């Protein structure tokens, strides 16, 4: 089984994105976890993940709105594949109002 965490960075301001609501869903679209990024922009999910496809969905529109900032992305959804034998997945999101990028962190 595997675990999952995320780290969201506000690339436009060069600091962690604190307060972003994130959900974790399985391949059937069932929400199996939810968290809000902490002061360091990090969130961890409790469920043990078996092999398969999962999605992290970031409420980016809500987050930008709370800061009175405009954005083009109301949500960012990042699917990823869990394989047998991997113990942890860290999905990083670099976020700005009109662009984002992601990578598998460690």
Protein backbone atom coordinates (compact mmCIF):
# COMPACT_ATOMS: atom_id res chain seq x y z
CA UNK A 1 0.00 0.00 0.00
CA UNK A 2 1.03 3.59 -0.63
CA UNK A 3 0.41 7.00 0.91
CA UNK A 4 0.02 10.40 -0.76
CA UNK A 5 0.95 13.97 0.04
CA UNK A 6 1.04 17.26 -1.83
CA UNK A 7 2.85 20.57 -1.72
CA UNK A 8 1.39 23.69 -3.35
CA UNK A 9 3.59 26.68 -4.06
CA UNK A 10 2.39 30.10 -5.16
CA UNK A 11 4.83 30.60 -8.03
CA UNK A 12 3.69 34.18 -8.68
CA UNK A 13 4.54 35.27 -5.14
CA UNK A 14 7.36 32.84 -4.41
CA UNK A 15 5.89 31.30 -1.26
CA UNK A 16 3.84 28.32 -0.06
CA UNK A 17 0.14 28.31 -0.92
CA UNK A 18 -1.45 27.99 2.50
CA UNK A 19 -5.17 27.26 2.76
CA UNK A 20 -5.81 25.42 -0.54
CA UNK A 21 -8.57 22.80 -0.16
CA UNK A 22 -7.60 19.50 -1.83
CA UNK A 23 -9.55 16.27 -2.34
CA UNK A 24 -8.25 12.80 -3.15
CA UNK A 25 -10.48 10.55 -5.28
CA UNK A 26 -10.22 6.99 -6.53
CA UNK A 27 -10.68 5.82 -10.14
CA UNK A 28 -14.47 5.68 -9.69
CA UNK A 29 -14.58 9.33 -8.61
CA UNK A 30 -15.25 8.52 -4.95
CA UNK A 31 -13.69 11.04 -2.59
CA UNK A 32 -11.44 9.12 -0.20
CA UNK A 33 -9.66 12.03 1.45
CA UNK A 34 -9.73 15.79 1.92
CA UNK A 35 -7.30 18.27 3.42
CA UNK A 36 -6.33 21.93 3.44
CA UNK A 37 -2.72 22.91 2.86
CA UNK A 38 -0.91 24.07 5.98
CA UNK A 39 1.22 27.19 6.45
CA UNK A 40 3.99 25.47 4.46
CA UNK A 41 1.62 24.64 1.59
CA UNK A 42 1.61 20.91 2.45
CA UNK A 43 -1.14 18.36 2.97
CA UNK A 44 -1.07 14.63 3.65
CA UNK A 45 -3.79 12.04 3.11
CA UNK A 46 -4.49 9.12 5.45
CA UNK A 47 -5.90 6.38 3.17
CA UNK A 48 -3.59 3.55 2.10
CA UNK A 49 -3.68 3.48 -1.68
CA UNK A 50 -3.66 0.23 -3.61
CA UNK A 51 -2.54 0.05 -7.23
CA UNK A 52 -4.69 2.13 -9.57
CA UNK A 53 -5.47 5.63 -10.77
CA UNK A 54 -6.22 8.43 -8.31
CA UNK A 55 -6.87 12.17 -8.62
CA UNK A 56 -5.99 15.16 -6.52
CA UNK A 57 -8.34 18.11 -7.08
CA UNK A 58 -7.26 21.54 -5.88
CA UNK A 59 -9.88 24.27 -5.24
CA UNK A 60 -7.73 26.94 -6.85
CA UNK A 61 -10.56 29.31 -7.77
CA UNK A 62 -11.75 29.47 -4.18
CA UNK A 63 -8.20 29.99 -2.94
CA UNK A 64 -7.49 32.87 -5.34
CA UNK A 65 -10.90 34.43 -4.62
CA UNK A 66 -10.19 34.41 -0.87
CA UNK A 67 -7.08 36.46 -1.63
CA UNK A 68 -8.97 38.84 -3.92
CA UNK A 69 -6.91 37.62 -6.89
CA UNK A 70 -8.07 36.70 -10.37
CA UNK A 71 -7.41 33.23 -11.85
CA UNK A 72 -8.19 31.33 -15.00
CA UNK A 73 -8.39 27.93 -13.27
CA UNK A 74 -11.35 27.32 -10.94
CA UNK A 75 -9.93 23.87 -10.15
CA UNK A 76 -6.80 21.91 -10.99
CA UNK A 77 -7.20 18.14 -11.22
CA UNK A 78 -4.11 15.94 -11.32
CA UNK A 79 -4.52 12.22 -12.02
CA UNK A 80 -1.67 9.89 -11.08
CA UNK A 81 -1.05 6.15 -11.12
CA UNK A 82 -0.10 4.13 -8.04
CA UNK A 83 1.87 0.96 -8.75
CA UNK A 84 2.62 -2.04 -6.57
CA UNK A 85 5.74 -1.65 -4.43
CA UNK A 86 5.90 2.16 -4.21
CA UNK A 87 5.39 3.35 -0.64
CA UNK A 88 4.72 7.05 -1.12
CA UNK A 89 3.58 9.52 -3.77
CA UNK A 90 4.23 13.22 -3.42
CA UNK A 91 2.42 15.38 -5.99
CA UNK A 92 3.72 18.93 -6.16
CA UNK A 93 1.79 21.82 -7.73
CA UNK A 94 3.39 25.13 -8.74
CA UNK A 95 0.51 27.55 -9.08
CA UNK A 96 0.04 31.01 -10.54
CA UNK A 97 -3.15 32.81 -11.64
CA UNK A 98 -2.86 31.84 -15.31
CA UNK A 99 -0.56 28.82 -15.35
CA UNK A 100 0.41 25.78 -13.35
CA UNK A 101 2.84 22.92 -13.51
CA UNK A 102 3.23 19.73 -11.55
CA UNK A 103 5.79 17.04 -10.89
CA UNK A 104 6.29 13.95 -8.79
CA UNK A 105 8.26 15.01 -5.76
CA UNK A 106 9.96 12.88 -3.15
